[in-house]
Protein backbone atom coordinates (compact mmCIF):
# COMPACT_ATOMS: atom_id res chain seq x y z
CA MET A 1 -38.41 6.53 58.75
CA LYS A 2 -37.25 3.21 60.04
CA ALA A 3 -38.68 0.01 61.42
CA VAL A 4 -37.22 -2.64 63.70
CA ILE A 5 -37.83 -6.28 62.78
CA THR A 6 -37.08 -8.99 65.33
CA VAL A 7 -37.10 -12.71 64.62
CA ILE A 8 -36.83 -15.46 67.23
CA GLY A 9 -37.29 -19.20 66.86
CA LYS A 10 -35.73 -22.52 66.06
CA ASP A 11 -32.84 -22.16 63.62
CA THR A 12 -33.49 -23.38 60.10
CA VAL A 13 -32.08 -22.73 56.64
CA GLY A 14 -33.39 -19.62 54.88
CA ILE A 15 -34.74 -17.43 57.66
CA LEU A 16 -32.63 -14.40 56.78
CA ALA A 17 -33.24 -14.93 53.06
CA LYS A 18 -37.03 -15.14 53.41
CA VAL A 19 -37.31 -12.08 55.66
CA SER A 20 -34.98 -10.15 53.35
CA ASN A 21 -37.00 -11.20 50.31
CA ILE A 22 -40.22 -9.79 51.78
CA CYS A 23 -38.41 -6.54 52.60
CA ALA A 24 -37.07 -6.32 49.04
CA GLU A 25 -40.50 -7.00 47.51
CA CYS A 26 -41.92 -4.11 49.56
CA ASP A 27 -38.99 -1.71 48.86
CA ALA A 28 -37.90 -1.76 52.51
CA ASN A 29 -34.13 -1.27 52.59
CA ILE A 30 -32.28 -3.25 55.26
CA THR A 31 -29.69 -0.90 56.75
CA GLU A 32 -28.43 -3.01 59.65
CA VAL A 33 -28.79 -6.62 60.71
CA THR A 34 -27.45 -8.69 63.55
CA GLN A 35 -28.14 -12.34 64.15
CA SER A 36 -27.05 -15.06 66.52
CA VAL A 37 -27.58 -18.77 66.78
CA LEU A 38 -27.39 -20.18 70.29
CA GLN A 39 -27.51 -23.96 70.08
CA ASP A 40 -30.65 -24.27 67.93
CA LEU A 41 -32.22 -20.88 68.80
CA PHE A 42 -32.11 -18.22 66.07
CA ALA A 43 -32.34 -14.53 67.03
CA MET A 44 -32.16 -11.60 64.61
CA ILE A 45 -32.74 -7.85 64.73
CA MET A 46 -32.99 -5.77 61.55
CA LEU A 47 -33.16 -2.03 61.12
CA VAL A 48 -35.10 -1.26 57.94
CA ASP A 49 -35.58 2.02 56.06
CA ILE A 50 -39.29 2.23 55.20
CA ASP A 51 -39.33 5.64 53.47
CA LYS A 52 -39.95 4.09 50.04
CA LEU A 53 -42.36 1.28 50.96
CA ASN A 54 -44.63 0.36 48.06
CA ILE A 55 -47.33 -0.93 50.44
CA PRO A 56 -48.72 0.35 53.75
CA PHE A 57 -46.51 -0.34 56.78
CA VAL A 58 -49.22 -2.49 58.37
CA GLU A 59 -49.19 -4.78 55.32
CA LEU A 60 -45.41 -5.26 55.61
CA SER A 61 -45.93 -6.19 59.24
CA GLN A 62 -48.72 -8.63 58.32
CA ARG A 63 -46.60 -10.31 55.64
CA LEU A 64 -43.75 -10.82 58.07
CA THR A 65 -46.08 -12.11 60.78
CA LYS A 66 -47.55 -14.58 58.28
CA LEU A 67 -44.05 -15.76 57.35
CA GLY A 68 -43.33 -16.24 61.05
CA ASP A 69 -46.48 -18.33 61.44
CA GLU A 70 -45.53 -20.46 58.43
CA MET A 71 -41.98 -21.03 59.73
CA ASN A 72 -42.94 -21.38 63.42
CA LEU A 73 -41.04 -18.18 64.28
CA LYS A 74 -41.99 -15.08 66.23
CA ILE A 75 -41.52 -12.07 63.90
CA LEU A 76 -42.32 -8.61 65.26
CA THR A 77 -42.24 -5.50 63.08
CA MET A 78 -42.25 -2.23 64.97
CA HIS A 79 -42.22 1.32 63.62
CA GLU A 80 -39.21 3.28 64.86
CA ASP A 81 -41.43 5.81 66.66
CA ILE A 82 -43.14 3.08 68.68
CA PHE A 83 -39.80 1.39 69.41
CA ASN A 84 -38.30 4.66 70.65
CA SER A 85 -41.34 5.48 72.77
CA MET A 86 -41.25 2.07 74.42
CA HIS A 87 -37.61 2.49 75.38
CA LYS A 88 -37.67 6.01 76.80
CA ILE A 89 -37.06 6.40 80.47
């Protein structure tokens, strides 16, 4: 199973590192990542394998949301099934 993590906010040092660190702590394997910086706006999308999570998925989501709050970023963590359902025609 996979999850999609999106991050949007003002660019600052360490965003990718901090999000990646939480994923590593929870045994979520980052399989793909793309990021862009437009002027001072940071945008990132990660695809994460969550098959071996050592915590419940909701807790991973809560940790990332908390990080977003601390860094003044919007971090959304969405299970692959929800993401796919939202984007079906």
